[in-house]
Each structure stands twice: as C-alpha cells, then as structure tokens.
C-alpha atoms as a PDB file:
ATOM      1  CA  UNK A   1     225.800  95.759 171.080  1.00  0.00           C
ATOM      2  CA  UNK A   2     225.692  93.016 173.704  1.00  0.00           C
ATOM      3  CA  UNK A   3     228.554  90.548 173.363  1.00  0.00           C
ATOM      4  CA  UNK A   4     227.440  88.297 176.234  1.00  0.00           C
ATOM      5  CA  UNK A   5     225.250  86.133 174.007  1.00  0.00           C
ATOM      6  CA  UNK A   6     227.972  86.027 171.357  1.00  0.00           C
ATOM      7  CA  UNK A   7     230.518  84.844 173.934  1.00  0.00           C
ATOM      8  CA  UNK A   8     228.075  82.278 175.298  1.00  0.00           C
ATOM      9  CA  UNK A   9     227.413  81.086 171.750  1.00  0.00           C
ATOM     10  CA  UNK A  10     231.144  80.581 171.170  1.00  0.00           C
ATOM     11  CA  UNK A  11     231.591  78.740 174.475  1.00  0.00           C
ATOM     12  CA  UNK A  12     228.609  76.512 173.756  1.00  0.00           C
ATOM     13  CA  UNK A  13     229.995  75.705 170.311  1.00  0.00           C
ATOM     14  CA  UNK A  14     233.317  74.694 171.868  1.00  0.00           C
ATOM     15  CA  UNK A  15     231.472  72.433 174.324  1.00  0.00           C
ATOM     16  CA  UNK A  16     229.528  70.932 171.411  1.00  0.00           C
ATOM     17  CA  UNK A  17     232.735  70.410 169.435  1.00  0.00           C
ATOM     18  CA  UNK A  18     234.425  68.542 172.297  1.00  0.00           C
ATOM     19  CA  UNK A  19     231.319  66.438 172.970  1.00  0.00           C
ATOM     20  CA  UNK A  20     230.985  65.610 169.276  1.00  0.00           C
ATOM     21  CA  UNK A  21     234.605  64.466 169.125  1.00  0.00           C
ATOM     22  CA  UNK A  22     233.962  62.111 172.050  1.00  0.00           C
ATOM     23  CA  UNK A  23     230.741  60.876 170.443  1.00  0.00           C
ATOM     24  CA  UNK A  24     232.527  60.185 167.143  1.00  0.00           C
ATOM     25  CA  UNK A  25     235.092  58.057 168.976  1.00  0.00           C
ATOM     26  CA  UNK A  26     232.677  56.274 171.284  1.00  0.00           C
ATOM     27  CA  UNK A  27     229.014  56.039 170.309  1.00  0.00           C
ATOM     28  CA  UNK A  28     227.090  55.921 173.582  1.00  0.00           C
ATOM     29  CA  UNK A  29     223.636  56.950 174.749  1.00  0.00           C
ATOM     30  CA  UNK A  30     225.093  59.455 177.233  1.00  0.00           C
ATOM     31  CA  UNK A  31     227.317  61.129 174.635  1.00  0.00           C
ATOM     32  CA  UNK A  32     224.463  61.137 172.128  1.00  0.00           C
ATOM     33  CA  UNK A  33     222.306  63.044 174.642  1.00  0.00           C
ATOM     34  CA  UNK A  34     225.142  65.440 175.503  1.00  0.00           C
ATOM     35  CA  UNK A  35     225.817  66.347 171.862  1.00  0.00           C
ATOM     36  CA  UNK A  36     222.123  66.934 171.205  1.00  0.00           C
ATOM     37  CA  UNK A  37     221.812  69.092 174.348  1.00  0.00           C
ATOM     38  CA  UNK A  38     224.648  71.331 173.137  1.00  0.00           C
ATOM     39  CA  UNK A  39     223.013  71.588 169.705  1.00  0.00           C
ATOM     40  CA  UNK A  40     219.716  72.649 171.304  1.00  0.00           C
ATOM     41  CA  UNK A  41     221.557  75.300 173.311  1.00  0.00           C
ATOM     42  CA  UNK A  42     223.289  76.518 170.149  1.00  0.00           C
ATOM     43  CA  UNK A  43     219.940  76.843 168.396  1.00  0.00           C
ATOM     44  CA  UNK A  44     218.447  78.753 171.349  1.00  0.00           C
ATOM     45  CA  UNK A  45     221.411  81.128 171.592  1.00  0.00           C
ATOM     46  CA  UNK A  46     221.521  81.619 167.820  1.00  0.00           C
ATOM     47  CA  UNK A  47     217.880  82.740 167.818  1.00  0.00           C
ATOM     48  CA  UNK A  48     218.558  85.228 170.613  1.00  0.00           C
ATOM     49  CA  UNK A  49     221.654  86.541 168.803  1.00  0.00           C
ATOM     50  CA  UNK A  50     219.731  86.871 165.520  1.00  0.00           C
ATOM     51  CA  UNK A  51     217.136  89.018 167.282  1.00  0.00           C
ATOM     52  CA  UNK A  52     219.845  91.169 168.924  1.00  0.00           C
ATOM     53  CA  UNK A  53     221.490  91.760 165.555  1.00  0.00           C
ATOM     54  CA  UNK A  54     218.160  92.580 163.927  1.00  0.00           C
ATOM     55  CA  UNK A  55     217.282  95.126 166.632  1.00  0.00           C
ATOM     56  CA  UNK A  56     220.752  96.681 166.531  1.00  0.00           C
ATOM     57  CA  UNK A  57     220.617  97.060 162.757  1.00  0.00           C
ATOM     58  CA  UNK A  58     217.139  98.581 162.857  1.00  0.00           C
ATOM     59  CA  UNK A  59     218.149 101.095 165.529  1.00  0.00           C
ATOM     60  CA  UNK A  60     221.418 102.047 163.843  1.00  0.00           C
ATOM     61  CA  UNK A  61     220.439 101.837 160.192  1.00  0.00           C
ATOM     62  CA  UNK A  62     222.508 103.991 157.860  1.00  0.00           C
ATOM     63  CA  UNK A  63     220.899 104.677 154.523  1.00  0.00           C
ATOM     64  CA  UNK A  64     222.358 105.989 151.290  1.00  0.00           C
ATOM     65  CA  UNK A  65     220.644 109.330 152.044  1.00  0.00           C
ATOM     66  CA  UNK A  66     222.485 109.516 155.367  1.00  0.00           C
ATOM     67  CA  UNK A  67     225.791 108.899 153.607  1.00  0.00           C
ATOM     68  CA  UNK A  68     225.067 111.483 150.888  1.00  0.00           C
ATOM     69  CA  UNK A  69     224.316 114.155 153.513  1.00  0.00           C
ATOM     70  CA  UNK A  70     227.862 113.951 154.869  1.00  0.00           C
END
C-alpha cells in the first residue's frame, strides 16, 4: 500500500495544527485563510487516501471461506 499520501496527510495535519494555534492566539485575515487552506488540503488528501484504502481492501479481501480453507 502507498504510504506517500498517508505521510503527506500527517504533514498537512501538523501544518494545520500549527496554523490553528497561531489563529487561536491572533485572529487575522491571513491566518484565517492559512488555516482554511490547510483544511482544504486535508480534505483533498483524505479523499485520495480513502480511495487507496478502498482499492487495497478490494484487491486483498480475505473472506471467511479463505480462512476456513487454511
């Protein structure tokens, strides 16, 4: 499974977290835009990761029948 998107998702979350901390301390238009940009990126990456996980599970599905055969 591809961990690149997962790693990018984690890094983007950390960027969001830092930006949100700044925004909470100092409410400004620039920080508002930065926090929202990171949230949009998180949403985009989350959708990609959800699709990767769905494809991986479908390709590597193990059923009860598979387990019983062993």
